[in-house]
Amino acid sequence: MNDMLNDAKDNIQSPEELIQKEIHIKAKQLLGLETLSSVYMLAVLNMILMGDGSSNILNEDSLKFNGKYGFGDTDKKFPADAFILNPPYSASGNGMNFVERALSMMNKGRHLY
C-alpha cells in the first residue's frame, strides 16, 4: 500500500486530490483475507491502532473465497490485478493450491508477490 500511496504523492499535486486518492486506494484497491479468527482480529486491531480502519480485511478462507468482498457493492467481484501471498506452506501441496487459486481469480496481468 505504501508504494501505491507514494506513487500517488509523486503524481498528484493537489492536497485534496491526494486525500481522495488515498481513500480510494484503501477502500477500492486493497483486500485482505485471513482464515484464523485470532489473526484476523489482530489485523483489525492493528489497523484501528494505526489509524487505518478503512482498509478491507475479511475473516475468510482464501481457497473458498468467491471474490465478492462484502463492502459497498456486494454483488461485484473484487478487481484483483495482483496478489501478495503468504500461504501456510505446511498445507498439502506446499502452498501451490493458494497460488493456483490466486491466478484463477485475477482480472488481468498475472503478478504474484
N, C-alpha and C. Protein backbone atom coordinates (compact mmCIF):
# COMPACT_ATOMS: atom_id res chain seq x y z
N MET A 1 0.82 -1.18 0.00
CA MET A 1 0.00 0.00 0.00
C MET A 1 0.87 1.24 0.00
N ASN A 2 1.97 1.22 0.72
CA ASN A 2 2.82 2.40 0.78
C ASN A 2 3.35 2.79 -0.59
N ASP A 3 3.69 1.79 -1.43
CA ASP A 3 4.15 2.10 -2.79
C ASP A 3 3.04 2.77 -3.59
N MET A 4 1.81 2.31 -3.42
CA MET A 4 0.68 2.92 -4.13
C MET A 4 0.50 4.37 -3.69
N LEU A 5 0.61 4.61 -2.39
CA LEU A 5 0.44 5.96 -1.87
C LEU A 5 1.59 6.87 -2.28
N ASN A 6 2.82 6.35 -2.26
CA ASN A 6 3.97 7.14 -2.70
C ASN A 6 3.86 7.49 -4.17
N ASP A 7 3.40 6.56 -4.99
CA ASP A 7 3.19 6.83 -6.41
C ASP A 7 2.16 7.94 -6.59
N ALA A 8 1.09 7.89 -5.80
CA ALA A 8 0.07 8.93 -5.87
C ALA A 8 0.65 10.28 -5.45
N LYS A 9 1.48 10.30 -4.40
CA LYS A 9 2.10 11.55 -3.95
C LYS A 9 3.01 12.15 -5.01
N ASP A 10 3.69 11.28 -5.76
CA ASP A 10 4.59 11.75 -6.81
C ASP A 10 3.83 12.33 -8.00
N ASN A 11 2.59 11.90 -8.20
CA ASN A 11 1.86 12.28 -9.40
C ASN A 11 0.69 13.23 -9.16
N ILE A 12 0.35 13.49 -7.92
CA ILE A 12 -0.79 14.36 -7.61
C ILE A 12 -0.30 15.56 -6.82
N GLN A 13 -0.59 16.74 -7.31
CA GLN A 13 -0.13 17.97 -6.67
C GLN A 13 -1.13 18.52 -5.65
N SER A 14 -2.41 18.36 -5.89
CA SER A 14 -3.44 18.92 -5.03
C SER A 14 -3.58 18.10 -3.74
N PRO A 15 -3.47 18.74 -2.57
CA PRO A 15 -3.64 18.01 -1.30
C PRO A 15 -5.02 17.34 -1.18
N GLU A 16 -6.06 18.01 -1.67
CA GLU A 16 -7.40 17.45 -1.60
C GLU A 16 -7.52 16.21 -2.49
N GLU A 17 -6.95 16.29 -3.69
CA GLU A 17 -6.99 15.16 -4.61
C GLU A 17 -6.18 13.98 -4.05
N LEU A 18 -5.07 14.27 -3.38
CA LEU A 18 -4.25 13.23 -2.77
C LEU A 18 -5.02 12.51 -1.66
N ILE A 19 -5.74 13.26 -0.85
CA ILE A 19 -6.56 12.66 0.21
C ILE A 19 -7.62 11.75 -0.40
N GLN A 20 -8.27 12.22 -1.46
CA GLN A 20 -9.29 11.40 -2.12
C GLN A 20 -8.69 10.14 -2.73
N LYS A 21 -7.49 10.25 -3.30
CA LYS A 21 -6.83 9.09 -3.89
C LYS A 21 -6.48 8.07 -2.80
N GLU A 22 -6.00 8.54 -1.65
CA GLU A 22 -5.67 7.63 -0.55
C GLU A 22 -6.92 6.89 -0.07
N ILE A 23 -8.02 7.61 0.06
CA ILE A 23 -9.28 6.98 0.46
C ILE A 23 -9.70 5.93 -0.56
N HIS A 24 -9.56 6.27 -1.85
CA HIS A 24 -9.92 5.33 -2.92
C HIS A 24 -9.05 4.07 -2.88
N ILE A 25 -7.76 4.25 -2.71
CA ILE A 25 -6.84 3.09 -2.66
C ILE A 25 -7.23 2.17 -1.51
N LYS A 26 -7.47 2.73 -0.33
CA LYS A 26 -7.80 1.91 0.83
C LYS A 26 -9.16 1.22 0.69
N ALA A 27 -10.12 1.91 0.10
CA ALA A 27 -11.48 1.37 0.02
C ALA A 27 -11.71 0.46 -1.18
N LYS A 28 -11.00 0.71 -2.28
CA LYS A 28 -11.33 0.01 -3.53
C LYS A 28 -10.21 -0.84 -4.11
N GLN A 29 -8.98 -0.70 -3.64
CA GLN A 29 -7.88 -1.37 -4.30
C GLN A 29 -7.13 -2.37 -3.43
N LEU A 30 -7.50 -2.49 -2.17
CA LEU A 30 -6.82 -3.42 -1.27
C LEU A 30 -7.83 -4.33 -0.60
N LEU A 31 -7.48 -5.59 -0.48
CA LEU A 31 -8.34 -6.54 0.20
C LEU A 31 -7.47 -7.58 0.88
N GLY A 32 -7.74 -7.83 2.14
CA GLY A 32 -7.01 -8.85 2.88
C GLY A 32 -7.94 -9.97 3.31
N LEU A 33 -7.44 -11.19 3.27
CA LEU A 33 -8.20 -12.36 3.72
C LEU A 33 -7.38 -13.10 4.76
N GLU A 34 -8.02 -13.44 5.86
CA GLU A 34 -7.36 -14.22 6.91
C GLU A 34 -8.35 -15.24 7.44
N THR A 35 -7.97 -16.49 7.42
CA THR A 35 -8.88 -17.55 7.84
C THR A 35 -8.91 -17.76 9.36
N LEU A 36 -7.81 -17.48 10.05
CA LEU A 36 -7.77 -17.67 11.50
C LEU A 36 -8.38 -16.46 12.21
N SER A 37 -9.41 -16.69 13.01
CA SER A 37 -10.11 -15.60 13.68
C SER A 37 -9.19 -14.76 14.56
N SER A 38 -8.27 -15.41 15.27
CA SER A 38 -7.38 -14.67 16.17
C SER A 38 -6.44 -13.75 15.39
N VAL A 39 -5.91 -14.22 14.27
CA VAL A 39 -5.02 -13.40 13.44
C VAL A 39 -5.81 -12.28 12.77
N TYR A 40 -7.02 -12.59 12.32
CA TYR A 40 -7.90 -11.58 11.73
C TYR A 40 -8.16 -10.45 12.73
N MET A 41 -8.49 -10.80 13.98
CA MET A 41 -8.76 -9.78 14.99
C MET A 41 -7.52 -8.95 15.28
N LEU A 42 -6.34 -9.56 15.29
CA LEU A 42 -5.10 -8.80 15.47
C LEU A 42 -4.89 -7.82 14.32
N ALA A 43 -5.20 -8.24 13.10
CA ALA A 43 -5.05 -7.35 11.95
C ALA A 43 -6.01 -6.17 12.04
N VAL A 44 -7.25 -6.44 12.42
CA VAL A 44 -8.24 -5.36 12.58
C VAL A 44 -7.80 -4.41 13.69
N LEU A 45 -7.37 -4.95 14.81
CA LEU A 45 -6.90 -4.13 15.93
C LEU A 45 -5.70 -3.28 15.50
N ASN A 46 -4.78 -3.86 14.76
CA ASN A 46 -3.62 -3.13 14.27
C ASN A 46 -4.06 -1.97 13.37
N MET A 47 -5.02 -2.21 12.49
CA MET A 47 -5.50 -1.13 11.61
C MET A 47 -6.14 -0.01 12.42
N ILE A 48 -6.90 -0.37 13.44
CA ILE A 48 -7.54 0.64 14.28
C ILE A 48 -6.48 1.46 15.02
N LEU A 49 -5.51 0.77 15.63
CA LEU A 49 -4.47 1.47 16.39
C LEU A 49 -3.59 2.35 15.50
N MET A 50 -3.40 1.94 14.25
CA MET A 50 -2.56 2.70 13.32
C MET A 50 -3.37 3.76 12.57
N GLY A 51 -4.66 3.88 12.87
CA GLY A 51 -5.49 4.87 12.21
C GLY A 51 -5.87 4.49 10.79
N ASP A 52 -5.86 3.21 10.48
CA ASP A 52 -6.16 2.75 9.13
C ASP A 52 -7.36 1.82 9.15
N GLY A 53 -8.41 2.23 9.83
CA GLY A 53 -9.57 1.37 9.97
C GLY A 53 -10.41 1.23 8.73
N SER A 54 -10.03 1.87 7.63
CA SER A 54 -10.86 1.81 6.43
C SER A 54 -10.41 0.76 5.44
N SER A 55 -9.34 0.05 5.71
CA SER A 55 -8.88 -0.98 4.78
C SER A 55 -9.77 -2.21 4.89
N ASN A 56 -9.93 -2.90 3.79
CA ASN A 56 -10.80 -4.08 3.74
C ASN A 56 -10.03 -5.33 4.15
N ILE A 57 -10.51 -5.98 5.18
CA ILE A 57 -9.98 -7.28 5.56
C ILE A 57 -11.16 -8.14 5.97
N LEU A 58 -11.15 -9.38 5.50
CA LEU A 58 -12.24 -10.30 5.76
C LEU A 58 -11.73 -11.53 6.48
N ASN A 59 -12.54 -12.07 7.37
CA ASN A 59 -12.24 -13.33 8.04
C ASN A 59 -12.77 -14.44 7.14
N GLU A 60 -11.98 -14.79 6.12
CA GLU A 60 -12.39 -15.73 5.08
C GLU A 60 -11.25 -16.69 4.75
N ASP A 61 -11.61 -17.85 4.26
CA ASP A 61 -10.66 -18.81 3.73
C ASP A 61 -10.41 -18.45 2.27
N SER A 62 -9.19 -18.11 1.94
CA SER A 62 -8.89 -17.65 0.57
C SER A 62 -9.13 -18.73 -0.48
N LEU A 63 -9.10 -19.98 -0.08
CA LEU A 63 -9.36 -21.06 -1.04
C LEU A 63 -10.85 -21.22 -1.34
N LYS A 64 -11.70 -20.69 -0.46
CA LYS A 64 -13.15 -20.77 -0.65
C LYS A 64 -13.77 -19.42 -1.00
N PHE A 65 -12.99 -18.37 -0.99
CA PHE A 65 -13.48 -17.01 -1.23
C PHE A 65 -14.02 -16.89 -2.65
N ASN A 66 -15.23 -16.34 -2.79
CA ASN A 66 -15.87 -16.24 -4.10
C ASN A 66 -15.53 -14.95 -4.85
N GLY A 67 -14.74 -14.08 -4.26
CA GLY A 67 -14.34 -12.86 -4.93
C GLY A 67 -15.23 -11.67 -4.64
N LYS A 68 -16.38 -11.89 -4.05
CA LYS A 68 -17.28 -10.79 -3.69
C LYS A 68 -16.92 -10.33 -2.29
N TYR A 69 -16.44 -9.10 -2.20
CA TYR A 69 -15.76 -8.70 -0.98
C TYR A 69 -16.62 -8.13 0.12
N GLY A 70 -17.92 -8.02 -0.08
CA GLY A 70 -18.80 -7.71 1.03
C GLY A 70 -18.86 -6.27 1.49
N PHE A 71 -18.14 -5.37 0.86
CA PHE A 71 -18.20 -3.95 1.22
C PHE A 71 -18.78 -3.19 0.04
N GLY A 72 -19.68 -2.26 0.29
CA GLY A 72 -20.25 -1.48 -0.81
C GLY A 72 -21.08 -2.37 -1.73
N ASP A 73 -20.68 -2.46 -2.99
CA ASP A 73 -21.37 -3.30 -3.97
C ASP A 73 -21.03 -4.77 -3.70
N THR A 74 -21.86 -5.43 -2.92
CA THR A 74 -21.56 -6.80 -2.52
C THR A 74 -21.73 -7.80 -3.65
N ASP A 75 -22.38 -7.41 -4.73
CA ASP A 75 -22.57 -8.33 -5.85
C ASP A 75 -21.40 -8.31 -6.82
N LYS A 76 -20.52 -7.34 -6.68
CA LYS A 76 -19.39 -7.22 -7.60
C LYS A 76 -18.17 -7.99 -7.10
N LYS A 77 -17.46 -8.58 -8.04
CA LYS A 77 -16.22 -9.28 -7.73
C LYS A 77 -15.11 -8.25 -7.48
N PHE A 78 -14.27 -8.51 -6.49
CA PHE A 78 -13.15 -7.61 -6.23
C PHE A 78 -12.20 -7.63 -7.42
N PRO A 79 -11.84 -6.47 -7.96
CA PRO A 79 -10.99 -6.40 -9.16
C PRO A 79 -9.52 -6.65 -8.84
N ALA A 80 -9.11 -7.90 -8.80
CA ALA A 80 -7.75 -8.24 -8.41
C ALA A 80 -6.82 -8.32 -9.62
N ASP A 81 -5.78 -7.48 -9.61
CA ASP A 81 -4.75 -7.50 -10.65
C ASP A 81 -3.43 -8.02 -10.12
N ALA A 82 -3.29 -8.09 -8.80
CA ALA A 82 -2.06 -8.57 -8.18
C ALA A 82 -2.40 -9.20 -6.83
N PHE A 83 -1.58 -10.14 -6.42
CA PHE A 83 -1.76 -10.80 -5.14
C PHE A 83 -0.43 -10.81 -4.39
N ILE A 84 -0.51 -10.63 -3.09
CA ILE A 84 0.63 -10.85 -2.20
C ILE A 84 0.21 -12.04 -1.35
N LEU A 85 0.92 -13.13 -1.48
CA LEU A 85 0.53 -14.37 -0.82
C LEU A 85 1.45 -14.73 0.33
N ASN A 86 0.87 -15.26 1.37
CA ASN A 86 1.62 -15.82 2.48
C ASN A 86 0.90 -17.09 2.93
N PRO A 87 0.88 -18.10 2.06
CA PRO A 87 0.13 -19.32 2.39
C PRO A 87 0.84 -20.14 3.46
N PRO A 88 0.07 -20.96 4.15
CA PRO A 88 0.69 -21.88 5.11
C PRO A 88 1.39 -23.00 4.36
N TYR A 89 2.69 -22.94 4.28
CA TYR A 89 3.43 -23.90 3.47
C TYR A 89 3.40 -25.31 4.05
N SER A 90 2.90 -25.45 5.26
CA SER A 90 2.74 -26.78 5.83
C SER A 90 1.50 -27.48 5.28
N ALA A 91 0.65 -26.71 4.58
CA ALA A 91 -0.56 -27.30 3.99
C ALA A 91 -0.18 -28.22 2.85
N SER A 92 -1.10 -29.08 2.48
CA SER A 92 -0.82 -30.01 1.39
C SER A 92 -0.52 -29.24 0.11
N GLY A 93 0.42 -29.73 -0.68
CA GLY A 93 0.78 -29.07 -1.93
C GLY A 93 1.80 -27.96 -1.76
N ASN A 94 2.33 -27.77 -0.56
CA ASN A 94 3.33 -26.73 -0.29
C ASN A 94 2.89 -25.34 -0.72
N GLY A 95 1.61 -25.05 -0.64
CA GLY A 95 1.12 -23.72 -0.95
C GLY A 95 0.76 -23.50 -2.40
N MET A 96 1.03 -24.46 -3.27
CA MET A 96 0.72 -24.27 -4.69
C MET A 96 -0.78 -24.13 -4.94
N ASN A 97 -1.62 -24.73 -4.10
CA ASN A 97 -3.06 -24.57 -4.28
C ASN A 97 -3.48 -23.12 -4.06
N PHE A 98 -2.77 -22.39 -3.21
CA PHE A 98 -3.05 -20.97 -3.00
C PHE A 98 -2.64 -20.16 -4.22
N VAL A 99 -1.51 -20.49 -4.79
CA VAL A 99 -1.02 -19.80 -5.99
C VAL A 99 -1.99 -20.04 -7.15
N GLU A 100 -2.39 -21.28 -7.35
CA GLU A 100 -3.33 -21.61 -8.43
C GLU A 100 -4.66 -20.89 -8.24
N ARG A 101 -5.15 -20.82 -7.02
CA ARG A 101 -6.42 -20.13 -6.74
C ARG A 101 -6.28 -18.64 -7.02
N ALA A 102 -5.18 -18.03 -6.60
CA ALA A 102 -4.96 -16.61 -6.85
C ALA A 102 -4.92 -16.33 -8.35
N LEU A 103 -4.19 -17.13 -9.10
CA LEU A 103 -4.11 -16.94 -10.54
C LEU A 103 -5.48 -17.06 -11.20
N SER A 104 -6.30 -17.95 -10.71
CA SER A 104 -7.63 -18.13 -11.30
C SER A 104 -8.56 -16.96 -11.02
N MET A 105 -8.27 -16.18 -9.98
CA MET A 105 -9.15 -15.07 -9.61
C MET A 105 -8.70 -13.73 -10.18
N MET A 106 -7.54 -13.67 -10.80
CA MET A 106 -7.03 -12.41 -11.32
C MET A 106 -7.82 -11.93 -12.53
N ASN A 107 -7.93 -10.60 -12.63
CA ASN A 107 -8.59 -9.99 -13.78
C ASN A 107 -7.68 -9.99 -14.99
N LYS A 108 -6.46 -9.52 -14.81
CA LYS A 108 -5.54 -9.36 -15.93
C LYS A 108 -4.13 -9.30 -15.41
N GLY A 109 -3.16 -9.36 -16.25
CA GLY A 109 -1.76 -9.27 -15.88
C GLY A 109 -1.42 -10.19 -14.74
N ARG A 110 -0.69 -11.12 -14.72
CA ARG A 110 -0.54 -12.05 -13.60
C ARG A 110 0.67 -11.70 -12.77
N HIS A 111 0.43 -11.12 -11.60
CA HIS A 111 1.51 -10.70 -10.71
C HIS A 111 1.29 -11.30 -9.33
N LEU A 112 2.20 -12.13 -8.90
CA LEU A 112 2.19 -12.66 -7.54
C LEU A 112 3.43 -12.16 -6.83
N TYR A 113 3.27 -11.71 -5.59
CA TYR A 113 4.40 -11.19 -4.83
C TYR A 113 4.57 -11.98 -3.56
